Amino acid sequence: MALSSNGSYIPTTNEFLAHWAQADLVVMPLGIILAEEPGVIPAAFNRTGLIVLRDALATQLDAVQDKLNDLQIAGGVLEILKQTMYKRLGLFIGLLDGYYSSTPYYPARPEAPGMGAGEEKFCSPLRDMKSLWAKLNAAPAPAGVTLPLEINEGTAEIEVNFELTMFTTDLALLQTKYAARAEAEQNLRLARSRRDKLKNQIRAVLVAYRAAALSKLAGMPELLGTLPRVTPLPGHTPDAVTISAVLVPPDTAQVTHSESDDPGFKEYQFRGTVGEDGDAEDAVVLATHSARTPAPFTTQLGLGIPGGAGSYWVFVVTNDGNERASARAVVRRPA
């Protein structure tokens, strides 16, 4: 392996740790100790320090997935409430069209936003609806209307009347859910920032280890010949495999893929991340197959809650450290 995308850091670090362990057996008396780089590599940094960094990165990779999951939940809750409020706005506009078109209140009729509108554009007509609703309740009722005004959001079989105080409560709740999603987005940015800082530290350590090993192991060709690389060797990237994914109820994704015919084939890596619009840069390694003949991959990542989703890729990795991702496959769990 070599460092490329996000999912390559743990496997590459493990290769360096294995080599470092062998080097420490022959570099006496203390093994390989890296030179200090202020703010990057502490003084007296040895193999144990890299283990600490690797474990911290593994924890932070999981933390990013946790924050993605939190964002998925917050976004799902918000979307459900938005749909409810959008329906109520439509019913309110319909009531105005039916009974208030010839009154002075009709020009104040709010306009429905698009469902994809930002928070302010989406909430502004709802605030207008709340204000106008209160004014209608205080005004004379036109023919066919009973005050205080209620909206029937039920069905032909079930009547559900919704009045202003309930709408006011849910409008406040909507703003709370927007704030919860914004906080989840910020927490995700912070988790990514911590992850990327650890990745940069690990990269610096691996570069420094290669430099130290080339010096300390100059008379040991057998160890120099197995020294891992930080970046892939020059050469081609493999062709991508094609993949397909299905939900195995209730909460498991099964991913199958075509076979790689690359002569330098080393392994398939199955990577995934939470969310239906997941970014491969956030993806973590879920499983590895070293046999060329394809075998299904399975995971529950992203599918732990009803309505959850996951994004998945199969990477072909070659012996020289190059890799190529498949297209993204998305699996959604019914709400």
C-alpha atoms as a PDB file:
ATOM      1  CA  MET A   1       0.000   0.000   0.000  1.00  0.00           C
ATOM      2  CA  ALA A   2       0.858   3.687  -0.195  1.00  0.00           C
ATOM      3  CA  LEU A   3      -0.920   6.858   0.845  1.00  0.00           C
ATOM      4  CA  SER A   4      -3.553   7.973  -1.605  1.00  0.00           C
ATOM      5  CA  SER A   5      -7.156   8.367  -0.536  1.00  0.00           C
ATOM      6  CA  ASN A   6      -8.413   8.527   3.021  1.00  0.00           C
ATOM      7  CA  GLY A   7      -8.909   4.782   3.382  1.00  0.00           C
ATOM      8  CA  SER A   8      -5.268   4.031   2.577  1.00  0.00           C
ATOM      9  CA  TYR A   9      -3.789   5.532   5.746  1.00  0.00           C
ATOM     10  CA  ILE A  10      -4.401   2.720   8.215  1.00  0.00           C
ATOM     11  CA  PRO A  11      -3.226  -0.135   5.907  1.00  0.00           C
ATOM     12  CA  THR A  12      -0.141   1.842   4.858  1.00  0.00           C
ATOM     13  CA  THR A  13       0.684   2.717   8.447  1.00  0.00           C
ATOM     14  CA  ASN A  14       0.394  -0.948   9.401  1.00  0.00           C
ATOM     15  CA  GLU A  15       2.934  -1.851   6.706  1.00  0.00           C
ATOM     16  CA  PHE A  16       5.365   0.723   8.086  1.00  0.00           C
ATOM     17  CA  LEU A  17       4.826  -0.551  11.619  1.00  0.00           C
ATOM     18  CA  ALA A  18       5.626  -4.101  10.526  1.00  0.00           C
ATOM     19  CA  HIS A  19       8.825  -2.944   8.843  1.00  0.00           C
ATOM     20  CA  TRP A  20       9.771  -0.740  11.807  1.00  0.00           C
ATOM     21  CA  ALA A  21       9.428  -3.727  14.148  1.00  0.00           C
ATOM     22  CA  GLN A  22      11.911  -5.696  12.023  1.00  0.00           C
ATOM     23  CA  ALA A  23      14.291  -2.733  11.852  1.00  0.00           C
ATOM     24  CA  ASP A  24      14.225  -2.266  15.617  1.00  0.00           C
ATOM     25  CA  LEU A  25      15.524  -5.809  16.045  1.00  0.00           C
ATOM     26  CA  VAL A  26      18.739  -5.000  14.192  1.00  0.00           C
ATOM     27  CA  VAL A  27      19.309  -1.305  14.925  1.00  0.00           C
ATOM     28  CA  MET A  28      20.921  -1.378  18.330  1.00  0.00           C
ATOM     29  CA  PRO A  29      20.527  -0.420  21.051  1.00  0.00           C
ATOM     30  CA  LEU A  30      17.307   1.612  20.813  1.00  0.00           C
ATOM     31  CA  GLY A  31      15.982   0.861  17.366  1.00  0.00           C
ATOM     32  CA  ILE A  32      15.049   3.608  14.927  1.00  0.00           C
ATOM     33  CA  ILE A  33      14.257   6.927  16.598  1.00  0.00           C
ATOM     34  CA  LEU A  34      13.180   9.827  14.412  1.00  0.00           C
ATOM     35  CA  ALA A  35      14.655  13.297  14.489  1.00  0.00           C
ATOM     36  CA  GLU A  36      12.473  15.899  16.136  1.00  0.00           C
ATOM     37  CA  GLU A  37      10.407  18.206  13.920  1.00  0.00           C
ATOM     38  CA  PRO A  38       8.905  20.932  16.147  1.00  0.00           C
ATOM     39  CA  GLY A  39       5.142  20.917  15.954  1.00  0.00           C
ATOM     40  CA  VAL A  40       5.107  17.728  13.873  1.00  0.00           C
ATOM     41  CA  ILE A  41       7.305  14.955  15.301  1.00  0.00           C
ATOM     42  CA  PRO A  42       8.091  15.063  19.046  1.00  0.00           C
ATOM     43  CA  ALA A  43      11.535  14.369  20.424  1.00  0.00           C
ATOM     44  CA  ALA A  44      12.495  10.702  20.932  1.00  0.00           C
ATOM     45  CA  PHE A  45       9.732   9.533  18.591  1.00  0.00           C
ATOM     46  CA  ASN A  46       9.836   5.774  18.099  1.00  0.00           C
ATOM     47  CA  ARG A  47       7.611   3.012  16.767  1.00  0.00           C
ATOM     48  CA  THR A  48       5.290   3.236  19.770  1.00  0.00           C
ATOM     49  CA  GLY A  49       4.544   6.832  18.838  1.00  0.00           C
ATOM     50  CA  LEU A  50       3.348   5.755  15.412  1.00  0.00           C
ATOM     51  CA  ILE A  51       1.097   3.135  16.999  1.00  0.00           C
ATOM     52  CA  VAL A  52      -0.458   5.902  19.096  1.00  0.00           C
ATOM     53  CA  LEU A  53      -1.024   8.038  15.992  1.00  0.00           C
ATOM     54  CA  ARG A  54      -2.490   5.121  14.040  1.00  0.00           C
ATOM     55  CA  ASP A  55      -4.921   4.262  16.828  1.00  0.00           C
ATOM     56  CA  ALA A  56      -5.903   7.908  17.192  1.00  0.00           C
ATOM     57  CA  LEU A  57      -6.575   8.121  13.447  1.00  0.00           C
ATOM     58  CA  ALA A  58      -8.659   4.932  13.539  1.00  0.00           C
ATOM     59  CA  THR A  59     -10.708   6.465  16.352  1.00  0.00           C
ATOM     60  CA  GLN A  60     -11.093   9.715  14.430  1.00  0.00           C
ATOM     61  CA  LEU A  61     -12.127   7.922  11.239  1.00  0.00           C
ATOM     62  CA  ASP A  62     -14.899   6.306  13.262  1.00  0.00           C
ATOM     63  CA  ALA A  63     -15.737   9.694  14.771  1.00  0.00           C
ATOM     64  CA  VAL A  64     -16.279  11.136  11.284  1.00  0.00           C
ATOM     65  CA  GLN A  65     -18.704   8.298  10.537  1.00  0.00           C
ATOM     66  CA  ASP A  66     -20.496   8.986  13.835  1.00  0.00           C
ATOM     67  CA  LYS A  67     -20.853  12.662  12.929  1.00  0.00           C
ATOM     68  CA  LEU A  68     -22.071  11.735   9.457  1.00  0.00           C
ATOM     69  CA  ASN A  69     -24.645   9.513  11.116  1.00  0.00           C
ATOM     70  CA  ASP A  70     -25.687  12.360  13.438  1.00  0.00           C
ATOM     71  CA  LEU A  71     -26.057  14.625  10.405  1.00  0.00           C
ATOM     72  CA  GLN A  72     -28.108  12.006   8.590  1.00  0.00           C
ATOM     73  CA  ILE A  73     -30.465  11.724  11.572  1.00  0.00           C
ATOM     74  CA  ALA A  74     -30.737  15.499  12.045  1.00  0.00           C
ATOM     75  CA  GLY A  75     -31.357  16.004   8.334  1.00  0.00           C
ATOM     76  CA  GLY A  76     -33.981  13.269   8.239  1.00  0.00           C
ATOM     77  CA  VAL A  77     -35.898  14.696  11.197  1.00  0.00           C
ATOM     78  CA  LEU A  78     -35.764  18.161   9.668  1.00  0.00           C
ATOM     79  CA  GLU A  79     -36.954  16.912   6.283  1.00  0.00           C
ATOM     80  CA  ILE A  80     -39.988  15.172   7.782  1.00  0.00           C
ATOM     81  CA  LEU A  81     -41.018  18.323   9.662  1.00  0.00           C
ATOM     82  CA  LYS A  82     -40.430  20.481   6.568  1.00  0.00           C
ATOM     83  CA  GLN A  83     -42.757  18.280   4.544  1.00  0.00           C
ATOM     84  CA  THR A  84     -45.423  18.566   7.241  1.00  0.00           C
ATOM     85  CA  MET A  85     -45.136  22.336   7.431  1.00  0.00           C
ATOM     86  CA  TYR A  86     -45.090  22.639   3.651  1.00  0.00           C
ATOM     87  CA  LYS A  87     -48.351  20.690   3.467  1.00  0.00           C
ATOM     88  CA  ARG A  88     -49.936  22.976   6.060  1.00  0.00           C
ATOM     89  CA  LEU A  89     -48.826  26.058   4.144  1.00  0.00           C
ATOM     90  CA  GLY A  90     -50.430  24.659   1.010  1.00  0.00           C
ATOM     91  CA  LEU A  91     -53.692  23.997   2.853  1.00  0.00           C
ATOM     92  CA  PHE A  92     -53.640  27.516   4.295  1.00  0.00           C
ATOM     93  CA  ILE A  93     -53.081  29.027   0.850  1.00  0.00           C
ATOM     94  CA  GLY A  94     -55.942  26.904  -0.489  1.00  0.00           C
ATOM     95  CA  LEU A  95     -58.230  28.174   2.257  1.00  0.00           C
ATOM     96  CA  LEU A  96     -57.347  31.755   1.351  1.00  0.00           C
ATOM     97  CA  ASP A  97     -58.009  31.054  -2.323  1.00  0.00           C
ATOM     98  CA  GLY A  98     -61.354  29.530  -1.483  1.00  0.00           C
ATOM     99  CA  TYR A  99     -62.735  32.002   1.058  1.00  0.00           C
ATOM    100  CA  TYR A 100     -60.623  35.165   1.264  1.00  0.00           C
ATOM    101  CA  SER A 101     -59.929  36.103  -2.367  1.00  0.00           C
ATOM    102  CA  SER A 102     -62.201  39.165  -2.236  1.00  0.00           C
ATOM    103  CA  THR A 103     -61.067  40.370   1.196  1.00  0.00           C
ATOM    104  CA  PRO A 104     -58.310  42.873   2.074  1.00  0.00           C
ATOM    105  CA  TYR A 105     -56.271  40.010   3.524  1.00  0.00           C
ATOM    106  CA  TYR A 106     -55.773  38.169   0.284  1.00  0.00           C
ATOM    107  CA  PRO A 107     -52.859  40.304  -1.032  1.00  0.00           C
ATOM    108  CA  ALA A 108     -50.924  39.199   2.084  1.00  0.00           C
ATOM    109  CA  ARG A 109     -51.255  35.579   1.005  1.00  0.00           C
ATOM    110  CA  PRO A 110     -47.820  33.884   1.411  1.00  0.00           C
ATOM    111  CA  GLU A 111     -46.138  32.178  -1.505  1.00  0.00           C
ATOM    112  CA  ALA A 112     -44.998  28.581  -1.145  1.00  0.00           C
ATOM    113  CA  PRO A 113     -41.197  28.166  -1.387  1.00  0.00           C
ATOM    114  CA  GLY A 114     -39.457  25.250  -3.049  1.00  0.00           C
ATOM    115  CA  MET A 115     -38.711  22.295  -0.795  1.00  0.00           C
ATOM    116  CA  GLY A 116     -35.030  22.797  -1.527  1.00  0.00           C
ATOM    117  CA  ALA A 117     -35.042  26.441  -0.429  1.00  0.00           C
ATOM    118  CA  GLY A 118     -32.617  27.556   2.271  1.00  0.00           C
ATOM    119  CA  GLU A 119     -33.721  28.076   5.842  1.00  0.00           C
ATOM    120  CA  GLU A 120     -34.692  31.747   5.534  1.00  0.00           C
ATOM    121  CA  LYS A 121     -36.573  31.366   2.242  1.00  0.00           C
ATOM    122  CA  PHE A 122     -38.364  28.305   3.555  1.00  0.00           C
ATOM    123  CA  CYS A 123     -39.314  29.736   6.956  1.00  0.00           C
ATOM    124  CA  SER A 124     -40.252  33.254   5.865  1.00  0.00           C
ATOM    125  CA  PRO A 125     -43.609  32.264   4.261  1.00  0.00           C
ATOM    126  CA  LEU A 126     -44.379  30.158   7.333  1.00  0.00           C
ATOM    127  CA  ARG A 127     -43.821  33.164   9.579  1.00  0.00           C
ATOM    128  CA  ASP A 128     -46.079  35.186   7.263  1.00  0.00           C
ATOM    129  CA  MET A 129     -48.678  32.431   7.536  1.00  0.00           C
ATOM    130  CA  LYS A 130     -48.556  32.556  11.334  1.00  0.00           C
ATOM    131  CA  SER A 131     -48.960  36.360  11.388  1.00  0.00           C
ATOM    132  CA  LEU A 132     -51.788  36.374   8.850  1.00  0.00           C
ATOM    133  CA  TRP A 133     -53.540  33.498  10.615  1.00  0.00           C
ATOM    134  CA  ALA A 134     -53.728  35.568  13.819  1.00  0.00           C
ATOM    135  CA  LYS A 135     -55.162  38.526  11.870  1.00  0.00           C
ATOM    136  CA  LEU A 136     -57.809  36.327  10.239  1.00  0.00           C
ATOM    137  CA  ASN A 137     -58.844  34.966  13.623  1.00  0.00           C
ATOM    138  CA  ALA A 138     -59.391  38.546  14.844  1.00  0.00           C
ATOM    139  CA  ALA A 139     -61.344  39.667  11.739  1.00  0.00           C
ATOM    140  CA  PRO A 140     -64.942  38.969  10.695  1.00  0.00           C
ATOM    141  CA  ALA A 141     -65.334  35.525   9.194  1.00  0.00           C
ATOM    142  CA  PRO A 142     -66.365  35.302   5.527  1.00  0.00           C
ATOM    143  CA  ALA A 143     -69.238  33.017   4.592  1.00  0.00           C
ATOM    144  CA  GLY A 144     -68.369  29.365   5.066  1.00  0.00           C
ATOM    145  CA  VAL A 145     -65.605  29.970   7.611  1.00  0.00           C
ATOM    146  CA  THR A 146     -65.759  29.299  11.356  1.00  0.00           C
ATOM    147  CA  LEU A 147     -63.388  31.119  13.668  1.00  0.00           C
ATOM    148  CA  PRO A 148     -60.908  30.605  15.146  1.00  0.00           C
ATOM    149  CA  LEU A 149     -59.570  29.288  11.871  1.00  0.00           C
ATOM    150  CA  GLU A 150     -58.584  25.619  11.740  1.00  0.00           C
ATOM    151  CA  ILE A 151     -56.898  23.634   8.985  1.00  0.00           C
ATOM    152  CA  ASN A 152     -58.082  20.129   8.308  1.00  0.00           C
ATOM    153  CA  GLU A 153     -54.968  18.145   7.428  1.00  0.00           C
ATOM    154  CA  GLY A 154     -56.591  14.742   7.733  1.00  0.00           C
ATOM    155  CA  THR A 155     -58.091  12.484   5.089  1.00  0.00           C
ATOM    156  CA  ALA A 156     -61.562  11.801   3.816  1.00  0.00           C
ATOM    157  CA  GLU A 157     -61.837   9.101   6.490  1.00  0.00           C
ATOM    158  CA  ILE A 158     -60.109  10.909   9.374  1.00  0.00           C
ATOM    159  CA  GLU A 159     -60.556  14.586  10.195  1.00  0.00           C
ATOM    160  CA  VAL A 160     -57.560  16.222  11.853  1.00  0.00           C
ATOM    161  CA  ASN A 161     -58.041  19.886  12.696  1.00  0.00           C
ATOM    162  CA  PHE A 162     -54.942  22.008  13.219  1.00  0.00           C
ATOM    163  CA  GLU A 163     -55.112  25.422  14.854  1.00  0.00           C
ATOM    164  CA  LEU A 164     -52.790  28.421  15.267  1.00  0.00           C
ATOM    165  CA  THR A 165     -51.222  27.603  18.628  1.00  0.00           C
ATOM    166  CA  MET A 166     -50.218  24.155  17.369  1.00  0.00           C
ATOM    167  CA  PHE A 167     -48.752  25.687  14.217  1.00  0.00           C
ATOM    168  CA  THR A 168     -46.802  28.226  16.295  1.00  0.00           C
ATOM    169  CA  THR A 169     -45.324  25.428  18.394  1.00  0.00           C
ATOM    170  CA  ASP A 170     -44.267  23.447  15.337  1.00  0.00           C
ATOM    171  CA  LEU A 171     -42.806  26.531  13.647  1.00  0.00           C
ATOM    172  CA  ALA A 172     -40.568  27.040  16.685  1.00  0.00           C
ATOM    173  CA  LEU A 173     -39.683  23.337  16.560  1.00  0.00           C
ATOM    174  CA  LEU A 174     -38.752  23.680  12.893  1.00  0.00           C
ATOM    175  CA  GLN A 175     -36.262  26.400  13.716  1.00  0.00           C
ATOM    176  CA  THR A 176     -34.840  24.201  16.467  1.00  0.00           C
ATOM    177  CA  LYS A 177     -34.360  21.354  13.982  1.00  0.00           C
ATOM    178  CA  TYR A 178     -32.608  23.675  11.551  1.00  0.00           C
ATOM    179  CA  ALA A 179     -30.259  24.644  14.376  1.00  0.00           C
ATOM    180  CA  ALA A 180     -29.675  20.970  15.224  1.00  0.00           C
ATOM    181  CA  ARG A 181     -28.716  20.220  11.636  1.00  0.00           C
ATOM    182  CA  ALA A 182     -26.368  23.216  11.549  1.00  0.00           C
ATOM    183  CA  GLU A 183     -24.693  22.005  14.731  1.00  0.00           C
ATOM    184  CA  ALA A 184     -24.338  18.502  13.256  1.00  0.00           C
ATOM    185  CA  GLU A 185     -22.709  20.015  10.156  1.00  0.00           C
ATOM    186  CA  GLN A 186     -20.259  21.968  12.316  1.00  0.00           C
ATOM    187  CA  ASN A 187     -19.425  18.878  14.385  1.00  0.00           C
ATOM    188  CA  LEU A 188     -18.704  17.000  11.170  1.00  0.00           C
ATOM    189  CA  ARG A 189     -16.363  19.745   9.955  1.00  0.00           C
ATOM    190  CA  LEU A 190     -14.495  19.620  13.267  1.00  0.00           C
ATOM    191  CA  ALA A 191     -14.216  15.819  13.127  1.00  0.00           C
ATOM    192  CA  ARG A 192     -12.845  16.005   9.587  1.00  0.00           C
ATOM    193  CA  SER A 193     -10.362  18.662  10.655  1.00  0.00           C
ATOM    194  CA  ARG A 194      -9.061  16.475  13.502  1.00  0.00           C
ATOM    195  CA  ARG A 195      -8.844  13.510  11.147  1.00  0.00           C
ATOM    196  CA  ASP A 196      -6.906  15.474   8.553  1.00  0.00           C
ATOM    197  CA  LYS A 197      -4.476  16.792  11.175  1.00  0.00           C
ATOM    198  CA  LEU A 198      -3.687  13.213  12.221  1.00  0.00           C
ATOM    199  CA  LYS A 199      -3.274  12.167   8.584  1.00  0.00           C
ATOM    200  CA  ASN A 200      -0.757  14.960   8.064  1.00  0.00           C
ATOM    201  CA  GLN A 201       1.145  13.904  11.176  1.00  0.00           C
ATOM    202  CA  ILE A 202       1.265  10.294  10.045  1.00  0.00           C
ATOM    203  CA  ARG A 203       2.440  11.261   6.580  1.00  0.00           C
ATOM    204  CA  ALA A 204       5.279  13.295   8.105  1.00  0.00           C
ATOM    205  CA  VAL A 205       6.294  10.362  10.315  1.00  0.00           C
ATOM    206  CA  LEU A 206       6.297   7.900   7.426  1.00  0.00           C
ATOM    207  CA  VAL A 207       8.440  10.220   5.314  1.00  0.00           C
ATOM    208  CA  ALA A 208      10.847  10.664   8.224  1.00  0.00           C
ATOM    209  CA  TYR A 209      10.974   6.918   8.867  1.00  0.00           C
ATOM    210  CA  ARG A 210      11.911   6.190   5.253  1.00  0.00           C
ATOM    211  CA  ALA A 211      14.731   8.716   5.449  1.00  0.00           C
ATOM    212  CA  ALA A 212      15.992   7.267   8.734  1.00  0.00           C
ATOM    213  CA  ALA A 213      15.687   3.676   7.510  1.00  0.00           C
ATOM    214  CA  LEU A 214      17.649   4.387   4.334  1.00  0.00           C
ATOM    215  CA  SER A 215      20.474   5.590   6.553  1.00  0.00           C
ATOM    216  CA  LYS A 216      20.293   3.100   9.401  1.00  0.00           C
ATOM    217  CA  LEU A 217      19.755   0.040   7.191  1.00  0.00           C
ATOM    218  CA  ALA A 218      22.281   0.875   4.487  1.00  0.00           C
ATOM    219  CA  GLY A 219      24.058  -2.444   4.942  1.00  0.00           C
ATOM    220  CA  MET A 220      20.908  -4.545   5.106  1.00  0.00           C
ATOM    221  CA  PRO A 221      19.539  -4.966   1.577  1.00  0.00           C
ATOM    222  CA  GLU A 222      16.907  -7.473   2.686  1.00  0.00           C
ATOM    223  CA  LEU A 223      15.245  -4.822   4.856  1.00  0.00           C
ATOM    224  CA  LEU A 224      15.771  -1.992   2.403  1.00  0.00           C
ATOM    225  CA  GLY A 225      14.128  -4.097  -0.274  1.00  0.00           C
ATOM    226  CA  THR A 226      10.922  -4.338   1.758  1.00  0.00           C
ATOM    227  CA  LEU A 227      10.827  -0.699   2.886  1.00  0.00           C
ATOM    228  CA  PRO A 228       7.242   0.526   2.319  1.00  0.00           C
ATOM    229  CA  ARG A 229       6.547   3.551   0.179  1.00  0.00           C
ATOM    230  CA  VAL A 230       4.724   6.693   1.248  1.00  0.00           C
ATOM    231  CA  THR A 231       3.414   7.353  -2.256  1.00  0.00           C
ATOM    232  CA  PRO A 232       2.679   4.868  -5.043  1.00  0.00           C
ATOM    233  CA  LEU A 233       5.334   3.919  -7.550  1.00  0.00           C
ATOM    234  CA  PRO A 234       5.026   5.504 -10.980  1.00  0.00           C
ATOM    235  CA  GLY A 235       2.854   3.411 -13.240  1.00  0.00           C
ATOM    236  CA  HIS A 236      -0.693   2.814 -14.271  1.00  0.00           C
ATOM    237  CA  THR A 237      -3.787   2.829 -12.133  1.00  0.00           C
ATOM    238  CA  PRO A 238      -5.955  -0.265 -12.482  1.00  0.00           C
ATOM    239  CA  ASP A 239      -9.276  -0.287 -14.264  1.00  0.00           C
ATOM    240  CA  ALA A 240     -12.282   0.128 -12.014  1.00  0.00           C
ATOM    241  CA  VAL A 241     -14.589  -2.789 -11.349  1.00  0.00           C
ATOM    242  CA  THR A 242     -18.336  -2.483 -11.733  1.00  0.00           C
ATOM    243  CA  ILE A 243     -20.440  -2.964  -8.640  1.00  0.00           C
ATOM    244  CA  SER A 244     -24.041  -3.382  -7.599  1.00  0.00           C
ATOM    245  CA  ALA A 245     -25.593  -3.188  -4.149  1.00  0.00           C
ATOM    246  CA  VAL A 246     -28.841  -4.360  -2.589  1.00  0.00           C
ATOM    247  CA  LEU A 247     -30.456  -4.149   0.815  1.00  0.00           C
ATOM    248  CA  VAL A 248     -30.707  -7.418   2.701  1.00  0.00           C
ATOM    249  CA  PRO A 249     -33.538  -6.586   5.137  1.00  0.00           C
ATOM    250  CA  PRO A 250     -33.617  -5.176   7.613  1.00  0.00           C
ATOM    251  CA  ASP A 251     -30.275  -3.352   7.809  1.00  0.00           C
ATOM    252  CA  THR A 252     -27.503  -4.933   5.724  1.00  0.00           C
ATOM    253  CA  ALA A 253     -26.023  -3.862   2.401  1.00  0.00           C
ATOM    254  CA  GLN A 254     -24.646  -6.568   0.123  1.00  0.00           C
ATOM    255  CA  VAL A 255     -22.225  -5.405  -2.549  1.00  0.00           C
ATOM    256  CA  THR A 256     -21.044  -7.524  -5.467  1.00  0.00           C
ATOM    257  CA  HIS A 257     -18.517  -6.581  -8.127  1.00  0.00           C
ATOM    258  CA  SER A 258     -16.850  -7.708 -11.326  1.00  0.00           C
ATOM    259  CA  GLU A 259     -13.383  -9.247 -11.476  1.00  0.00           C
ATOM    260  CA  SER A 260     -10.213  -7.222 -11.981  1.00  0.00           C
ATOM    261  CA  ASP A 261      -7.865  -8.456 -14.711  1.00  0.00           C
ATOM    262  CA  ASP A 262      -4.992  -6.137 -13.747  1.00  0.00           C
ATOM    263  CA  PRO A 263      -1.675  -8.066 -13.825  1.00  0.00           C
ATOM    264  CA  GLY A 264      -0.478  -6.217 -10.731  1.00  0.00           C
ATOM    265  CA  PHE A 265      -3.605  -7.015  -8.724  1.00  0.00           C
ATOM    266  CA  LYS A 266      -3.062  -7.166  -4.963  1.00  0.00           C
ATOM    267  CA  GLU A 267      -6.512  -6.913  -3.357  1.00  0.00           C
ATOM    268  CA  TYR A 268     -10.011  -5.521  -3.360  1.00  0.00           C
ATOM    269  CA  GLN A 269     -10.843  -3.008  -0.641  1.00  0.00           C
ATOM    270  CA  PHE A 270     -14.454  -2.434   0.310  1.00  0.00           C
ATOM    271  CA  ARG A 271     -14.943   1.096   1.602  1.00  0.00           C
ATOM    272  CA  GLY A 272     -18.004   2.964   2.721  1.00  0.00           C
ATOM    273  CA  THR A 273     -19.378   6.009   4.445  1.00  0.00           C
ATOM    274  CA  VAL A 274     -22.669   7.074   5.984  1.00  0.00           C
ATOM    275  CA  GLY A 275     -25.202   8.883   3.770  1.00  0.00           C
ATOM    276  CA  GLU A 276     -26.609   8.584   0.285  1.00  0.00           C
ATOM    277  CA  ASP A 277     -24.445  11.425  -1.039  1.00  0.00           C
ATOM    278  CA  GLY A 278     -21.287  10.189   0.678  1.00  0.00           C
ATOM    279  CA  ASP A 279     -17.847  11.357  -0.384  1.00  0.00           C
ATOM    280  CA  ALA A 280     -15.195   8.724  -1.118  1.00  0.00           C
ATOM    281  CA  GLU A 281     -12.732  10.885   0.824  1.00  0.00           C
ATOM    282  CA  ASP A 282     -14.697  10.093   4.007  1.00  0.00           C
ATOM    283  CA  ALA A 283     -14.885   6.379   3.225  1.00  0.00           C
ATOM    284  CA  VAL A 284     -13.278   3.917   5.627  1.00  0.00           C
ATOM    285  CA  VAL A 285     -12.043   0.412   4.836  1.00  0.00           C
ATOM    286  CA  LEU A 286     -14.734  -2.072   5.802  1.00  0.00           C
ATOM    287  CA  ALA A 287     -13.212  -5.293   4.465  1.00  0.00           C
ATOM    288  CA  THR A 288     -10.455  -6.592   2.190  1.00  0.00           C
ATOM    289  CA  HIS A 289     -10.336  -9.549  -0.196  1.00  0.00           C
ATOM    290  CA  SER A 290      -6.972 -10.674  -1.560  1.00  0.00           C
ATOM    291  CA  ALA A 291      -8.383 -13.388  -3.842  1.00  0.00           C
ATOM    292  CA  ARG A 292      -8.939 -12.205  -7.411  1.00  0.00           C
ATOM    293  CA  THR A 293     -12.235 -14.104  -7.723  1.00  0.00           C
ATOM    294  CA  PRO A 294     -14.948 -11.747  -6.469  1.00  0.00           C
ATOM    295  CA  ALA A 295     -16.878 -12.496  -3.289  1.00  0.00           C
ATOM    296  CA  PRO A 296     -19.753 -10.421  -1.878  1.00  0.00           C
ATOM    297  CA  PHE A 297     -19.068  -7.745   0.704  1.00  0.00           C
ATOM    298  CA  THR A 298     -21.615  -6.954   3.425  1.00  0.00           C
ATOM    299  CA  THR A 299     -21.942  -4.104   5.900  1.00  0.00           C
ATOM    300  CA  GLN A 300     -24.481  -2.363   8.115  1.00  0.00           C
ATOM    301  CA  LEU A 301     -22.705   1.001   7.958  1.00  0.00           C
ATOM    302  CA  GLY A 302     -25.226   3.793   7.485  1.00  0.00           C
ATOM    303  CA  LEU A 303     -28.230   1.498   7.820  1.00  0.00           C
ATOM    304  CA  GLY A 304     -28.616   1.406  11.582  1.00  0.00           C
ATOM    305  CA  ILE A 305     -31.806   3.495  11.609  1.00  0.00           C
ATOM    306  CA  PRO A 306     -34.964   3.403   9.472  1.00  0.00           C
ATOM    307  CA  GLY A 307     -34.481   5.798   6.576  1.00  0.00           C
ATOM    308  CA  GLY A 308     -30.695   5.532   6.835  1.00  0.00           C
ATOM    309  CA  ALA A 309     -28.405   5.155   3.836  1.00  0.00           C
ATOM    310  CA  GLY A 310     -24.816   4.285   3.007  1.00  0.00           C
ATOM    311  CA  SER A 311     -22.451   4.951   0.102  1.00  0.00           C
ATOM    312  CA  TYR A 312     -20.058   2.177  -0.920  1.00  0.00           C
ATOM    313  CA  TRP A 313     -17.108   1.600  -3.263  1.00  0.00           C
ATOM    314  CA  VAL A 314     -14.885  -1.314  -4.208  1.00  0.00           C
ATOM    315  CA  PHE A 315     -11.264  -0.269  -4.766  1.00  0.00           C
ATOM    316  CA  VAL A 316      -8.813  -2.298  -6.824  1.00  0.00           C
ATOM    317  CA  VAL A 317      -5.351  -2.019  -5.244  1.00  0.00           C
ATOM    318  CA  THR A 318      -2.179  -3.045  -7.093  1.00  0.00           C
ATOM    319  CA  ASN A 319       1.149  -4.289  -5.789  1.00  0.00           C
ATOM    320  CA  ASP A 320       2.809  -0.948  -6.564  1.00  0.00           C
ATOM    321  CA  GLY A 321       0.338   0.918  -4.339  1.00  0.00           C
ATOM    322  CA  ASN A 322      -1.936   2.379  -7.011  1.00  0.00           C
ATOM    323  CA  GLU A 323      -5.690   2.082  -6.671  1.00  0.00           C
ATOM    324  CA  ARG A 324      -8.900   2.849  -8.514  1.00  0.00           C
ATOM    325  CA  ALA A 325     -12.390   3.230  -7.072  1.00  0.00           C
ATOM    326  CA  SER A 326     -15.539   1.835  -8.585  1.00  0.00           C
ATOM    327  CA  ALA A 327     -18.530   4.032  -9.113  1.00  0.00           C
ATOM    328  CA  ARG A 328     -20.477   4.731  -5.931  1.00  0.00           C
ATOM    329  CA  ALA A 329     -23.282   2.389  -4.964  1.00  0.00           C
ATOM    330  CA  VAL A 330     -25.981   3.626  -2.576  1.00  0.00           C
ATOM    331  CA  VAL A 331     -28.230   1.504  -0.384  1.00  0.00           C
ATOM    332  CA  ARG A 332     -31.193   2.985   1.478  1.00  0.00           C
ATOM    333  CA  ARG A 333     -33.133   1.440   4.324  1.00  0.00           C
ATOM    334  CA  PRO A 334     -36.884   2.125   4.194  1.00  0.00           C
ATOM    335  CA  ALA A 335     -38.124   4.638   6.737  1.00  0.00           C
END
